[in-house]
C-alpha atoms as a PDB file:
ATOM      1  CA  MET A   1      75.684 106.604 101.225  1.00  0.00           C
ATOM      2  CA  SER A   2      76.816 110.137 101.837  1.00  0.00           C
ATOM      3  CA  THR A   3      80.246 111.617 102.256  1.00  0.00           C
ATOM      4  CA  THR A   4      81.281 114.782 104.027  1.00  0.00           C
ATOM      5  CA  THR A   5      84.764 116.256 104.113  1.00  0.00           C
ATOM      6  CA  THR A   6      85.820 118.934 106.554  1.00  0.00           C
ATOM      7  CA  THR A   7      89.225 120.561 106.681  1.00  0.00           C
ATOM      8  CA  THR A   8      90.624 122.464 109.646  1.00  0.00           C
ATOM      9  CA  ASN A   9      94.238 123.619 109.587  1.00  0.00           C
ATOM     10  CA  ASN A  10      96.130 120.483 108.678  1.00  0.00           C
ATOM     11  CA  THR A  11      93.400 118.188 109.723  1.00  0.00           C
ATOM     12  CA  THR A  12      91.035 116.515 107.347  1.00  0.00           C
ATOM     13  CA  TYR A  13      87.974 114.607 108.393  1.00  0.00           C
ATOM     14  CA  PHE A  14      86.155 112.164 106.220  1.00  0.00           C
ATOM     15  CA  PHE A  15      82.705 111.070 107.149  1.00  0.00           C
ATOM     16  CA  TYR A  16      81.158 108.094 105.490  1.00  0.00           C
ATOM     17  CA  HIS A  17      77.570 107.246 106.140  1.00  0.00           C
ATOM     18  CA  TYR A  18      76.188 103.957 105.063  1.00  0.00           C
ATOM     19  CA  PHE A  19      72.581 103.069 105.306  1.00  0.00           C
ATOM     20  CA  TYR A  20      71.345  99.551 104.934  1.00  0.00           C
ATOM     21  CA  PHE A  21      67.883  98.285 105.003  1.00  0.00           C
ATOM     22  CA  TYR A  22      67.163  94.638 104.763  1.00  0.00           C
ATOM     23  CA  CYS A  23      64.832  92.037 106.062  1.00  0.00           C
ATOM     24  CA  TYR A  24      64.753  88.323 106.362  1.00  0.00           C
ATOM     25  CA  PHE A  25      62.424  85.616 107.303  1.00  0.00           C
ATOM     26  CA  TYR A  26      62.867  83.678 110.505  1.00  0.00           C
ATOM     27  CA  ASN A  27      60.962  80.665 111.685  1.00  0.00           C
ATOM     28  CA  ASN A  28      61.269  79.471 115.253  1.00  0.00           C
ATOM     29  CA  ASN A  29      58.998  77.565 117.637  1.00  0.00           C
ATOM     30  CA  ASN A  30      56.179  77.553 115.167  1.00  0.00           C
ATOM     31  CA  TYR A  31      56.246  81.307 114.964  1.00  0.00           C
ATOM     32  CA  ASN A  32      57.095  83.142 111.833  1.00  0.00           C
ATOM     33  CA  TYR A  33      59.071  86.273 112.434  1.00  0.00           C
ATOM     34  CA  TYR A  34      59.699  88.817 109.819  1.00  0.00           C
ATOM     35  CA  TYR A  35      62.608  90.983 110.812  1.00  0.00           C
ATOM     36  CA  TYR A  36      63.202  94.435 109.510  1.00  0.00           C
ATOM     37  CA  TYR A  37      66.644  95.720 110.069  1.00  0.00           C
ATOM     38  CA  TYR A  38      67.708  99.248 109.635  1.00  0.00           C
ATOM     39  CA  TYR A  39      71.452  99.343 109.757  1.00  0.00           C
ATOM     40  CA  TYR A  40      73.386 102.536 110.155  1.00  0.00           C
ATOM     41  CA  TYR A  41      77.113 102.470 109.700  1.00  0.00           C
ATOM     42  CA  TYR A  42      79.235 105.446 110.511  1.00  0.00           C
ATOM     43  CA  TYR A  43      82.862 105.548 109.587  1.00  0.00           C
ATOM     44  CA  TYR A  44      85.100 108.288 110.911  1.00  0.00           C
ATOM     45  CA  TYR A  45      88.486 108.766 109.390  1.00  0.00           C
ATOM     46  CA  TYR A  46      90.943 111.221 110.840  1.00  0.00           C
ATOM     47  CA  TYR A  47      94.029 112.242 108.981  1.00  0.00           C
ATOM     48  CA  TYR A  48      96.517 114.539 110.560  1.00  0.00           C
ATOM     49  CA  TYR A  49      99.730 115.989 109.150  1.00  0.00           C
ATOM     50  CA  TYR A  50     102.363 117.032 111.538  1.00  0.00           C
ATOM     51  CA  TYR A  51     105.680 118.394 110.446  1.00  0.00           C
ATOM     52  CA  TYR A  52     108.516 120.286 112.062  1.00  0.00           C
ATOM     53  CA  TYR A  53     111.928 121.613 111.212  1.00  0.00           C
ATOM     54  CA  TYR A  54     115.477 120.934 112.164  1.00  0.00           C
ATOM     55  CA  TYR A  55     117.630 123.971 111.968  1.00  0.00           C
ATOM     56  CA  PHE A  56     121.381 123.802 111.754  1.00  0.00           C
ATOM     57  CA  TYR A  57     123.079 126.990 112.586  1.00  0.00           C
ATOM     58  CA  TYR A  58     125.006 128.556 109.740  1.00  0.00           C
ATOM     59  CA  TYR A  59     124.483 125.554 107.636  1.00  0.00           C
ATOM     60  CA  TYR A  60     121.239 124.542 106.175  1.00  0.00           C
ATOM     61  CA  TYR A  61     117.928 123.507 107.450  1.00  0.00           C
ATOM     62  CA  TYR A  62     116.004 120.542 106.358  1.00  0.00           C
ATOM     63  CA  TYR A  63     112.604 119.437 107.346  1.00  0.00           C
ATOM     64  CA  TYR A  64     110.793 116.211 107.393  1.00  0.00           C
ATOM     65  CA  TYR A  65     107.265 115.402 108.263  1.00  0.00           C
ATOM     66  CA  TYR A  66     105.536 112.405 109.566  1.00  0.00           C
ATOM     67  CA  TYR A  67     101.912 111.670 109.729  1.00  0.00           C
ATOM     68  CA  TYR A  68      99.743 109.332 111.608  1.00  0.00           C
ATOM     69  CA  TYR A  69      96.175 108.418 111.216  1.00  0.00           C
ATOM     70  CA  TYR A  70      93.621 106.531 113.077  1.00  0.00           C
ATOM     71  CA  HIS A  71      90.118 105.574 112.315  1.00  0.00           C
ATOM     72  CA  HIS A  72      87.316 104.107 114.192  1.00  0.00           C
ATOM     73  CA  TYR A  73      83.795 103.248 113.409  1.00  0.00           C
ATOM     74  CA  TYR A  74      80.694 102.384 115.179  1.00  0.00           C
ATOM     75  CA  TYR A  75      77.329 101.291 114.150  1.00  0.00           C
ATOM     76  CA  TYR A  76      73.967 100.715 115.569  1.00  0.00           C
ATOM     77  CA  TYR A  77      70.884  99.081 114.319  1.00  0.00           C
ATOM     78  CA  TYR A  78      67.425  98.517 115.396  1.00  0.00           C
ATOM     79  CA  TYR A  79      64.751  96.176 114.262  1.00  0.00           C
ATOM     80  CA  TYR A  80      61.195  95.316 114.792  1.00  0.00           C
ATOM     81  CA  TYR A  81      59.262  92.255 113.944  1.00  0.00           C
ATOM     82  CA  TYR A  82      55.787  91.028 113.801  1.00  0.00           C
ATOM     83  CA  TYR A  83      54.078  87.691 113.702  1.00  0.00           C
ATOM     84  CA  LEU A  84      52.882  86.478 110.401  1.00  0.00           C
END
């Protein structure tokens, strides 16, 4: 697992990389399959701050900020097998 953080202006990106390797035994139609899976999981998290000001003439100004975030992920895997 590796993590990378990148900051640009008020935007922060978090990158999470997960690597899985596993295998399992599968038996079907009198054939023994040994599957090797290499699983790559990529998680992308986007965090964005957005703020603005209200200005009241000759009075005071006050500001508030709101933020939103979204994240998505995708993964892919591949495998190969051979007969035992």
